[in-house]
């Protein structure tokens, strides 16, 4: 009798369990299987895909430059991106982005990492992660050599009648708008040819990262970087990432190894001279 009552209790509990916790429907089971098979992290997704998608603007030498005639993109961060892809054991895919759309493109999963001279800022850190810094720089001016002595300080630059050309959407524009109250800020959308505009006299100067002014004065002998070793501020450049800790850890460790072996320094010397 006791055995019968014991079996009856087991059957009752089983019925109650089914009623309280019903078996998953086929749809729920399929959804669960899909979640279980989905990559757990962005790094897992990259490895499963077999491709690292790198966002580059293609308009910021020496970091990345798109040759519109051939369609090829070259630069320091193109070489760095290829080395990162090699470290992951995947192929490299370069995805074109722009300074105004870079954050939205990253959040929209158009690429896995943004490279190419991206300044680390508090505003960007509200929405993304950054790697450890890859370079220290700061904003300084570049002008026609014949006029460079007129623009040695922000006070000399920020005067009525002075035209400061800028590429929209990045930290150059943010710096100009926050700092210049009297000079005229002249937006120009094509950062790849903006220095030609300066040579042609369309503006008096441009304020950008010191590393860029050093290179552009080599490419345009008419232009002179204005005290790039003593910029108006100090900032750090890094690689912008989605909020995925595993991917950030991987990129940071890869950068540390590149620094320890001297491989990154060799690439910097190759592109900056």
Protein backbone atom coordinates (compact mmCIF):
# COMPACT_ATOMS: atom_id res chain seq x y z
CA UNK A 1 0.00 0.00 0.00
CA UNK A 2 2.82 2.35 0.88
CA UNK A 3 4.44 1.64 -2.49
CA UNK A 4 1.20 2.44 -4.29
CA UNK A 5 0.84 5.72 -2.41
CA UNK A 6 4.50 6.59 -3.15
CA UNK A 7 4.02 5.96 -6.88
CA UNK A 8 0.84 8.01 -6.83
CA UNK A 9 2.68 10.95 -5.27
CA UNK A 10 5.41 10.74 -7.91
CA UNK A 11 2.78 10.74 -10.69
CA UNK A 12 1.01 13.74 -9.10
CA UNK A 13 4.26 15.70 -8.83
CA UNK A 14 5.06 14.91 -12.44
CA UNK A 15 1.65 16.20 -13.56
CA UNK A 16 2.08 19.37 -11.47
CA UNK A 17 5.56 19.95 -12.87
CA UNK A 18 4.29 19.66 -16.43
CA UNK A 19 1.49 22.07 -15.62
CA UNK A 20 3.74 24.59 -13.92
CA UNK A 21 6.75 24.18 -16.21
CA UNK A 22 5.36 23.03 -19.55
CA UNK A 23 7.66 21.51 -22.11
CA UNK A 24 9.11 23.97 -24.62
CA UNK A 25 7.25 24.34 -27.88
CA UNK A 26 9.08 23.53 -31.13
CA UNK A 27 9.50 27.28 -31.74
CA UNK A 28 10.99 27.83 -28.28
CA UNK A 29 13.27 24.84 -28.72
CA UNK A 30 14.49 26.14 -32.07
CA UNK A 31 15.08 29.59 -30.63
CA UNK A 32 17.03 28.09 -27.75
CA UNK A 33 19.16 26.07 -30.14
CA UNK A 34 19.82 29.19 -32.22
CA UNK A 35 20.93 31.15 -29.13
CA UNK A 36 23.10 28.27 -28.00
CA UNK A 37 24.84 28.10 -31.40
CA UNK A 38 25.29 31.87 -31.78
CA UNK A 39 28.82 33.24 -31.16
CA UNK A 40 29.19 34.27 -27.52
CA UNK A 41 31.38 37.32 -28.20
CA UNK A 42 32.37 39.59 -31.08
CA UNK A 43 35.74 37.82 -31.18
CA UNK A 44 33.93 34.48 -31.55
CA UNK A 45 31.87 35.98 -34.38
CA UNK A 46 35.01 37.18 -36.19
CA UNK A 47 36.67 33.79 -35.87
CA UNK A 48 33.52 31.98 -37.00
CA UNK A 49 33.12 34.35 -39.97
CA UNK A 50 36.77 34.02 -40.92
CA UNK A 51 37.01 37.74 -41.67
CA UNK A 52 38.01 40.81 -39.66
CA UNK A 53 36.09 43.88 -40.88
CA UNK A 54 38.06 47.09 -40.31
CA UNK A 55 36.48 50.51 -40.74
CA UNK A 56 38.77 53.11 -42.35
CA UNK A 57 37.99 56.58 -43.71
CA UNK A 58 40.67 56.39 -46.41
CA UNK A 59 41.29 60.13 -46.16
CA UNK A 60 43.81 60.53 -43.35
CA UNK A 61 47.44 60.04 -44.28
CA UNK A 62 49.56 58.36 -43.01
CA UNK A 63 46.94 56.11 -41.39
CA UNK A 64 44.76 55.26 -44.39
CA UNK A 65 44.39 56.60 -47.91
CA UNK A 66 42.00 55.41 -50.61
CA UNK A 67 43.27 55.64 -54.18
CA UNK A 68 40.00 56.23 -56.02
CA UNK A 69 41.54 55.30 -59.38
CA UNK A 70 42.66 51.83 -58.30
CA UNK A 71 40.27 51.34 -55.39
CA UNK A 72 43.12 50.26 -53.12
CA UNK A 73 43.63 51.56 -49.59
CA UNK A 74 47.10 51.93 -48.13
CA UNK A 75 48.58 53.33 -44.95
CA UNK A 76 50.01 52.60 -41.54
CA UNK A 77 46.74 51.28 -40.14
CA UNK A 78 46.09 49.16 -43.22
CA UNK A 79 49.32 47.34 -42.42
CA UNK A 80 48.38 47.20 -38.73
CA UNK A 81 44.95 45.84 -39.62
CA UNK A 82 46.51 43.10 -41.75
CA UNK A 83 48.78 42.10 -38.88
CA UNK A 84 45.80 41.96 -36.50
CA UNK A 85 43.88 39.77 -38.95
CA UNK A 86 46.93 37.50 -39.23
CA UNK A 87 47.09 37.25 -35.43
CA UNK A 88 43.46 36.12 -35.42
CA UNK A 89 44.02 33.71 -38.29
CA UNK A 90 41.36 35.34 -40.47
CA UNK A 91 41.15 37.41 -43.65
CA UNK A 92 41.07 41.22 -43.68
CA UNK A 93 38.13 43.15 -45.12
CA UNK A 94 38.39 46.94 -45.30
CA UNK A 95 35.08 48.75 -44.92
CA UNK A 96 34.81 52.39 -45.95
CA UNK A 97 33.41 54.76 -43.35
CA UNK A 98 33.40 58.52 -42.74
CA UNK A 99 34.17 60.66 -39.72
CA UNK A 100 30.53 61.78 -39.25
CA UNK A 101 29.15 58.21 -39.56
CA UNK A 102 31.94 56.21 -37.92
CA UNK A 103 30.23 55.66 -34.56
CA UNK A 104 26.87 54.81 -36.13
CA UNK A 105 28.59 52.40 -38.52
CA UNK A 106 30.35 50.66 -35.63
CA UNK A 107 27.13 50.37 -33.64
CA UNK A 108 25.31 49.20 -36.78
CA UNK A 109 27.71 46.24 -37.08
CA UNK A 110 29.17 47.41 -40.40
CA UNK A 111 32.65 46.61 -39.13
CA UNK A 112 34.35 45.11 -36.08
CA UNK A 113 36.92 47.80 -35.30
CA UNK A 114 37.60 51.37 -36.44
CA UNK A 115 41.21 52.28 -37.15
CA UNK A 116 42.96 55.10 -38.96
CA UNK A 117 43.86 57.87 -36.51
CA UNK A 118 40.82 57.86 -34.22
CA UNK A 119 41.19 60.13 -31.21
CA UNK A 120 40.15 58.74 -27.84
CA UNK A 121 37.54 61.10 -26.37
CA UNK A 122 35.10 60.97 -23.47
CA UNK A 123 32.22 61.50 -25.88
CA UNK A 124 33.20 58.42 -27.89
CA UNK A 125 33.80 56.37 -24.76
CA UNK A 126 30.14 56.81 -23.87
CA UNK A 127 29.27 54.52 -26.77
CA UNK A 128 32.34 52.40 -27.51
CA UNK A 129 35.52 50.89 -26.13
CA UNK A 130 39.03 51.84 -27.19
CA UNK A 131 42.25 49.88 -27.33
CA UNK A 132 45.26 50.97 -25.36
CA UNK A 133 46.64 54.15 -27.00
CA UNK A 134 48.73 53.67 -30.12
CA UNK A 135 50.03 57.23 -30.43
CA UNK A 136 50.10 60.51 -28.53
CA UNK A 137 49.38 63.63 -30.52
CA UNK A 138 47.61 66.98 -30.21
CA UNK A 139 46.01 69.72 -32.24
CA UNK A 140 48.26 72.23 -33.96
CA UNK A 141 48.08 74.45 -37.02
CA UNK A 142 49.40 74.17 -40.56
CA UNK A 143 49.48 77.15 -42.90
CA UNK A 144 51.22 78.42 -46.01
CA UNK A 145 54.87 78.86 -45.13
CA UNK A 146 54.85 82.53 -46.10
CA UNK A 147 52.19 83.21 -43.46
CA UNK A 148 53.00 80.73 -40.68
CA UNK A 149 54.49 83.38 -38.38
CA UNK A 150 51.08 85.06 -38.17
CA UNK A 151 49.44 82.01 -36.55
CA UNK A 152 51.74 80.92 -33.74
CA UNK A 153 49.11 81.01 -31.00
CA UNK A 154 45.37 80.44 -30.66
CA UNK A 155 44.97 84.14 -29.87
CA UNK A 156 46.58 85.01 -33.22
CA UNK A 157 44.39 82.47 -34.99
CA UNK A 158 41.12 83.41 -33.34
CA UNK A 159 40.69 86.82 -34.96
CA UNK A 160 38.02 88.22 -37.27
CA UNK A 161 38.92 87.69 -40.90
CA UNK A 162 40.96 84.53 -40.31
CA UNK A 163 39.60 81.48 -42.17
CA UNK A 164 40.18 78.05 -40.61
CA UNK A 165 39.32 75.14 -42.89
CA UNK A 166 38.11 71.89 -41.30
CA UNK A 167 36.85 68.43 -42.22
CA UNK A 168 33.43 67.87 -40.60
CA UNK A 169 32.54 65.13 -38.16
CA UNK A 170 35.73 64.56 -36.22
CA UNK A 171 37.78 65.99 -33.39
CA UNK A 172 39.22 68.73 -35.62
CA UNK A 173 35.77 70.24 -35.96
CA UNK A 174 35.04 69.74 -32.25
CA UNK A 175 38.25 71.52 -31.30
CA UNK A 176 37.59 74.44 -33.65
CA UNK A 177 34.02 74.95 -32.46
CA UNK A 178 35.04 74.81 -28.81
CA UNK A 179 38.07 77.08 -29.17
CA UNK A 180 37.48 79.59 -31.95
CA UNK A 181 34.95 82.34 -31.25
CA UNK A 182 35.99 85.02 -33.76
CA UNK A 183 37.74 83.27 -36.66
CA UNK A 184 35.62 81.89 -39.49
CA UNK A 185 35.37 78.09 -39.56
CA UNK A 186 35.17 76.88 -43.16
CA UNK A 187 33.89 73.27 -43.52
CA UNK A 188 35.27 71.24 -46.42
CA UNK A 189 33.92 67.68 -46.83
CA UNK A 190 36.85 65.97 -48.61
CA UNK A 191 39.64 65.41 -46.11
CA UNK A 192 41.77 63.78 -48.83
CA UNK A 193 42.07 67.06 -50.77
CA UNK A 194 41.61 69.60 -47.99
CA UNK A 195 45.28 70.57 -47.96
CA UNK A 196 45.08 71.42 -51.66
CA UNK A 197 42.45 73.95 -50.69
CA UNK A 198 44.86 75.45 -48.20
CA UNK A 199 47.62 75.67 -50.82
CA UNK A 200 45.17 77.36 -53.20
CA UNK A 201 44.40 80.06 -50.63
CA UNK A 202 40.81 79.02 -49.89
CA UNK A 203 41.60 79.36 -46.18
CA UNK A 204 44.41 80.66 -44.00
CA UNK A 205 45.16 77.54 -42.01
CA UNK A 206 43.93 74.22 -40.71
CA UNK A 207 44.10 72.83 -37.15
CA UNK A 208 44.65 69.09 -37.01
CA UNK A 209 46.79 66.44 -35.29
CA UNK A 210 50.49 67.22 -35.20
CA UNK A 211 51.33 63.87 -36.79
CA UNK A 212 49.29 64.86 -39.84
CA UNK A 213 50.85 68.32 -40.13
CA UNK A 214 54.33 66.78 -40.19
CA UNK A 215 53.43 64.51 -43.07
CA UNK A 216 51.45 67.10 -45.04
CA UNK A 217 54.29 69.61 -45.03
CA UNK A 218 56.39 66.92 -46.73
CA UNK A 219 53.68 66.26 -49.31
CA UNK A 220 52.97 69.98 -49.83
CA UNK A 221 56.21 72.02 -49.69
CA UNK A 222 54.13 75.23 -49.72
CA UNK A 223 52.76 74.35 -46.27
CA UNK A 224 54.50 74.47 -42.89
CA UNK A 225 53.50 72.73 -39.68
CA UNK A 226 53.37 75.20 -36.80
CA UNK A 227 55.19 73.88 -33.69
CA UNK A 228 53.88 70.27 -34.00
CA UNK A 229 56.10 69.29 -31.05
CA UNK A 230 54.21 71.76 -28.85
CA UNK A 231 50.54 71.32 -29.78
CA UNK A 232 47.63 73.33 -28.38
CA UNK A 233 46.45 70.25 -26.48
CA UNK A 234 47.43 66.62 -25.93
CA UNK A 235 45.39 63.65 -27.06
CA UNK A 236 45.80 59.94 -27.68
CA UNK A 237 44.87 57.89 -30.72
CA UNK A 238 43.53 54.36 -30.46
CA UNK A 239 41.38 51.75 -32.14
CA UNK A 240 37.64 52.06 -31.52
CA UNK A 241 35.80 48.86 -30.62
CA UNK A 242 32.28 47.70 -29.84
CA UNK A 243 31.57 47.05 -26.18
CA UNK A 244 33.01 43.55 -26.17
CA UNK A 245 35.57 42.88 -23.44
CA UNK A 246 36.97 39.75 -25.06
CA UNK A 247 37.73 41.54 -28.32
CA UNK A 248 39.30 44.47 -26.46
CA UNK A 249 41.53 42.12 -24.44
CA UNK A 250 42.70 40.42 -27.63
CA UNK A 251 43.46 43.71 -29.43
CA UNK A 252 45.26 45.14 -26.38
CA UNK A 253 47.46 42.08 -26.00
CA UNK A 254 48.23 42.07 -29.74
CA UNK A 255 49.30 45.72 -29.48
CA UNK A 256 51.50 44.97 -26.45
CA UNK A 257 53.24 42.20 -28.38
CA UNK A 258 53.66 44.48 -31.41
CA UNK A 259 55.30 47.06 -29.14
CA UNK A 260 57.49 44.54 -27.34
CA UNK A 261 58.85 43.07 -30.58
CA UNK A 262 59.31 46.47 -32.20
CA UNK A 263 57.07 45.51 -35.13
CA UNK A 264 54.75 48.50 -34.66
CA UNK A 265 57.65 50.92 -34.36
CA UNK A 266 59.06 49.66 -37.66
CA UNK A 267 55.72 50.29 -39.41
CA UNK A 268 55.47 53.79 -37.87
CA UNK A 269 58.99 54.62 -39.09
CA UNK A 270 58.14 53.28 -42.54
CA UNK A 271 55.07 55.52 -42.91
CA UNK A 272 56.17 58.60 -40.99
CA UNK A 273 59.86 58.61 -41.86
